[in-house]
Amino acid sequence: MSTEPSAYGFWSLVIINSLVFIIFAFSFTRPQTVRDWRSLGAFSAFLVALFSEMYGFPLTIYLLSGWLQSRYPEVDFLAHDAGHLLEVLFGWRANPHFGPFHVVSTVFIFGGALLLASAWRVLYAAQRDRRLATTGPYARLRHPQYLAFVMILSGFLLQWPTLLTVLMFPVLVCMYARLARREEREVAAAFGDEYVRYARRVPAFLPRLDELFGRSGGA
């Protein structure tokens, strides 16, 4: 078993990484209502919990240390790379940053960030002009901003799963779904039949496959 020194206790990295992603989300969501702040706050809490275990104190690894050491005695779980638990559990012994879960997580995180940035530009312009957002990502989804948040959270969860974030994740998904439904009622009251027609045509959270890959038979 390796005797590498502990790779944790770097609380400055916890603060820096948390701030980077929270400020990024804040810059595009620009919360104004209590609901907006609640959404950003939940997202921020997930990130702080994640980075606290990633760089500060690996609570999950300590709680599971007995089981982990009995199953994987050759792994030094105080080494930072071992924190990529999915790679460890599925037998990936090379650099975890090139492991399948880490690669997928990177796609989710950057894809979610791009979707959030793109959606916010469209939504901000629509709100400024007092019209319904129906272009860009909103042409395919009614709530691309919430899908973007879930993609980012999913990416981090794949990259560095912890007991706390695993428990938080479904709560956040349910919260975003409730916020989306509440927003729909408000937008429907503001735009009436225009929004009803839009909602019938465009799905809420996941784009239709025929729109992603083209309608079969040229229909």
Protein backbone atom coordinates (compact mmCIF):
# COMPACT_ATOMS: atom_id res chain seq x y z
CA MET A 1 0.00 0.00 0.00
CA SER A 2 1.31 3.46 -0.92
CA THR A 3 2.50 5.85 1.78
CA GLU A 4 1.81 9.08 -0.11
CA PRO A 5 0.94 12.01 2.18
CA SER A 6 -2.68 13.06 2.47
CA ALA A 7 -3.87 15.12 -0.47
CA TYR A 8 -6.58 16.84 1.58
CA GLY A 9 -6.81 19.81 3.91
CA PHE A 10 -6.55 22.38 1.11
CA TRP A 11 -9.40 24.60 2.22
CA SER A 12 -8.20 27.47 0.05
CA LEU A 13 -8.94 25.27 -2.99
CA VAL A 14 -12.39 24.56 -1.57
CA ILE A 15 -13.09 28.30 -1.42
CA ILE A 16 -11.56 29.10 -4.82
CA ASN A 17 -13.30 26.32 -6.74
CA SER A 18 -16.63 26.97 -5.05
CA LEU A 19 -16.44 30.68 -5.85
CA VAL A 20 -15.46 30.09 -9.49
CA PHE A 21 -18.52 27.97 -10.23
CA ILE A 22 -20.92 29.95 -8.05
CA ILE A 23 -19.86 33.26 -9.63
CA PHE A 24 -20.18 31.68 -13.08
CA ALA A 25 -23.75 30.57 -12.31
CA PHE A 26 -24.57 33.94 -10.72
CA SER A 27 -23.27 35.86 -13.75
CA PHE A 28 -25.68 34.10 -16.06
CA THR A 29 -28.73 33.64 -13.83
CA ARG A 30 -28.63 37.07 -12.17
CA PRO A 31 -31.16 36.13 -9.47
CA GLN A 32 -33.80 38.72 -8.71
CA THR A 33 -36.63 36.93 -6.94
CA VAL A 34 -36.61 34.79 -3.80
CA ARG A 35 -37.15 31.77 -6.05
CA ASP A 36 -34.08 32.66 -8.13
CA TRP A 37 -31.93 33.00 -5.01
CA ARG A 38 -33.26 29.69 -3.67
CA SER A 39 -32.28 27.96 -6.90
CA LEU A 40 -28.79 29.44 -6.89
CA GLY A 41 -28.41 28.75 -3.16
CA ALA A 42 -29.20 25.06 -3.56
CA PHE A 43 -26.76 24.81 -6.47
CA SER A 44 -24.10 26.58 -4.38
CA ALA A 45 -24.66 24.29 -1.37
CA PHE A 46 -24.09 21.24 -3.58
CA LEU A 47 -20.82 22.69 -4.87
CA VAL A 48 -19.55 23.61 -1.42
CA ALA A 49 -20.34 20.12 -0.12
CA LEU A 50 -18.62 18.58 -3.13
CA PHE A 51 -15.43 20.65 -3.02
CA SER A 52 -15.21 20.31 0.76
CA GLU A 53 -14.77 16.56 0.29
CA MET A 54 -12.71 16.87 -2.87
CA TYR A 55 -10.05 19.11 -1.33
CA GLY A 56 -10.84 19.60 2.36
CA PHE A 57 -11.91 16.53 4.31
CA PRO A 58 -12.87 13.26 2.52
CA LEU A 59 -15.79 12.41 4.80
CA THR A 60 -17.22 9.75 2.47
CA ILE A 61 -13.90 7.92 2.23
CA TYR A 62 -13.48 7.95 6.01
CA LEU A 63 -17.01 6.67 6.59
CA LEU A 64 -16.53 3.90 4.03
CA SER A 65 -12.86 3.26 4.83
CA GLY A 66 -13.39 -0.17 6.41
CA TRP A 67 -15.34 -1.50 3.43
CA LEU A 68 -13.07 0.19 0.87
CA GLN A 69 -9.84 -1.12 2.41
CA SER A 70 -11.22 -4.65 2.68
CA ARG A 71 -12.25 -4.63 -0.99
CA TYR A 72 -9.32 -2.64 -2.39
CA PRO A 73 -6.31 -3.15 -0.07
CA GLU A 74 -3.88 -2.03 -2.78
CA VAL A 75 -5.45 1.45 -3.05
CA ASP A 76 -4.21 4.35 -0.93
CA PHE A 77 -7.44 6.19 -0.25
CA LEU A 78 -5.59 9.19 1.19
CA ALA A 79 -4.16 9.84 -2.27
CA HIS A 80 -6.29 12.33 -4.16
CA ASP A 81 -6.79 10.15 -7.25
CA ALA A 82 -8.59 7.52 -5.14
CA GLY A 83 -11.36 10.03 -4.48
CA HIS A 84 -12.62 9.29 -7.98
CA LEU A 85 -14.55 6.42 -6.45
CA LEU A 86 -16.40 5.27 -9.55
CA GLU A 87 -13.13 4.64 -11.37
CA VAL A 88 -11.86 2.71 -8.33
CA LEU A 89 -15.04 0.66 -7.94
CA PHE A 90 -15.11 -0.31 -11.61
CA GLY A 91 -11.44 -1.28 -11.75
CA TRP A 92 -9.89 1.67 -13.59
CA ARG A 93 -6.30 1.80 -12.31
CA ALA A 94 -4.77 4.29 -14.75
CA ASN A 95 -4.96 8.06 -14.31
CA PRO A 96 -8.59 8.64 -13.21
CA HIS A 97 -8.73 11.91 -15.15
CA PHE A 98 -8.76 9.79 -18.31
CA GLY A 99 -11.24 7.26 -16.92
CA PRO A 100 -14.66 6.81 -18.55
CA PHE A 101 -16.65 8.40 -15.74
CA HIS A 102 -14.36 11.43 -15.61
CA VAL A 103 -14.58 11.91 -19.37
CA VAL A 104 -18.39 11.72 -19.30
CA SER A 105 -18.47 14.09 -16.32
CA THR A 106 -16.38 16.65 -18.22
CA VAL A 107 -18.81 16.50 -21.14
CA PHE A 108 -21.75 17.05 -18.77
CA ILE A 109 -20.11 19.94 -16.90
CA PHE A 110 -18.95 21.87 -19.96
CA GLY A 111 -22.10 21.02 -21.92
CA GLY A 112 -24.23 22.27 -19.04
CA ALA A 113 -22.17 25.45 -18.74
CA LEU A 114 -22.54 26.18 -22.47
CA LEU A 115 -26.27 25.49 -22.33
CA LEU A 116 -26.70 27.78 -19.31
CA ALA A 117 -24.80 30.61 -21.01
CA SER A 118 -26.73 30.21 -24.26
CA ALA A 119 -30.11 30.00 -22.52
CA TRP A 120 -29.48 33.03 -20.37
CA ARG A 121 -28.64 35.26 -23.37
CA VAL A 122 -31.96 34.37 -24.99
CA LEU A 123 -33.96 34.71 -21.76
CA TYR A 124 -32.36 38.03 -20.82
CA ALA A 125 -33.15 39.53 -24.25
CA ALA A 126 -36.74 38.26 -24.06
CA GLN A 127 -37.29 39.66 -20.57
CA ARG A 128 -35.82 43.00 -21.62
CA ASP A 129 -38.22 43.19 -24.58
CA ARG A 130 -41.15 41.80 -22.53
CA ARG A 131 -41.71 38.87 -24.89
CA LEU A 132 -41.76 35.10 -24.61
CA ALA A 133 -38.39 33.34 -25.02
CA THR A 134 -38.83 30.89 -27.89
CA THR A 135 -35.52 30.98 -29.76
CA GLY A 136 -32.13 29.33 -29.22
CA PRO A 137 -32.34 26.58 -26.60
CA TYR A 138 -35.92 27.68 -25.86
CA ALA A 139 -36.93 26.52 -29.33
CA ARG A 140 -36.33 22.93 -28.18
CA LEU A 141 -36.91 23.12 -24.41
CA ARG A 142 -39.08 25.21 -22.14
CA HIS A 143 -36.56 25.05 -19.26
CA PRO A 144 -33.03 24.72 -20.65
CA GLN A 145 -31.58 26.64 -17.70
CA TYR A 146 -32.72 23.98 -15.23
CA LEU A 147 -31.50 21.18 -17.49
CA ALA A 148 -28.14 22.98 -17.55
CA PHE A 149 -27.96 23.02 -13.74
CA VAL A 150 -28.82 19.31 -13.57
CA MET A 151 -26.19 18.50 -16.22
CA ILE A 152 -23.50 20.33 -14.24
CA LEU A 153 -24.51 18.65 -10.99
CA SER A 154 -24.62 15.24 -12.71
CA GLY A 155 -21.14 15.79 -14.08
CA PHE A 156 -19.70 16.58 -10.67
CA LEU A 157 -21.54 13.63 -9.15
CA LEU A 158 -19.98 11.26 -11.70
CA GLN A 159 -16.55 12.78 -11.20
CA TRP A 160 -16.46 12.79 -7.40
CA PRO A 161 -19.42 11.04 -5.74
CA THR A 162 -19.94 11.62 -2.02
CA LEU A 163 -22.62 10.44 0.37
CA LEU A 164 -23.89 13.98 0.94
CA THR A 165 -24.06 14.99 -2.73
CA VAL A 166 -25.73 11.69 -3.65
CA LEU A 167 -28.44 12.51 -1.12
CA MET A 168 -28.68 16.14 -2.23
CA PHE A 169 -28.93 15.42 -5.95
CA PRO A 170 -32.51 14.03 -6.15
CA VAL A 171 -33.71 16.77 -3.79
CA LEU A 172 -32.26 19.42 -6.11
CA VAL A 173 -33.77 17.79 -9.20
CA CYS A 174 -37.21 17.77 -7.56
CA MET A 175 -36.75 21.38 -6.46
CA TYR A 176 -35.88 22.49 -10.00
CA ALA A 177 -38.90 20.61 -11.37
CA ARG A 178 -41.21 22.39 -8.90
CA LEU A 179 -39.65 25.77 -9.69
CA ALA A 180 -40.14 25.13 -13.40
CA ARG A 181 -43.82 24.28 -12.94
CA ARG A 182 -44.37 27.39 -10.85
CA GLU A 183 -42.67 29.53 -13.50
CA GLU A 184 -44.89 27.98 -16.16
CA ARG A 185 -48.02 29.08 -14.32
CA GLU A 186 -46.68 32.62 -14.04
CA VAL A 187 -45.62 32.81 -17.70
CA ALA A 188 -48.96 31.33 -18.82
CA ALA A 189 -50.77 34.04 -16.85
CA ALA A 190 -48.61 36.70 -18.50
CA PHE A 191 -48.69 35.48 -22.12
CA GLY A 192 -51.93 33.51 -22.28
CA ASP A 193 -52.63 31.54 -25.46
CA GLU A 194 -49.20 32.32 -26.88
CA TYR A 195 -47.57 30.33 -24.10
CA VAL A 196 -50.18 27.56 -24.27
CA ARG A 197 -49.37 27.00 -27.96
CA TYR A 198 -45.65 27.13 -27.21
CA ALA A 199 -45.96 24.61 -24.36
CA ARG A 200 -47.89 22.20 -26.57
CA ARG A 201 -45.15 22.35 -29.18
CA VAL A 202 -42.00 22.34 -27.03
CA PRO A 203 -41.13 19.75 -24.31
CA ALA A 204 -40.18 20.89 -20.82
CA PHE A 205 -36.80 19.35 -20.02
CA LEU A 206 -35.64 16.87 -22.66
CA PRO A 207 -35.63 17.60 -26.41
CA ARG A 208 -37.48 15.27 -28.73
CA LEU A 209 -35.23 12.76 -30.45
CA ASP A 210 -36.71 13.50 -33.88
CA GLU A 211 -35.70 17.14 -33.46
CA LEU A 212 -32.19 16.23 -32.36
CA PHE A 213 -31.50 13.82 -35.22
CA GLY A 214 -33.95 15.03 -37.86
CA ARG A 215 -37.40 13.78 -38.63
CA SER A 216 -37.50 10.45 -40.40
CA GLY A 217 -38.72 10.38 -43.96
CA GLY A 218 -38.32 14.14 -44.23
CA ALA A 219 -41.57 14.66 -42.29
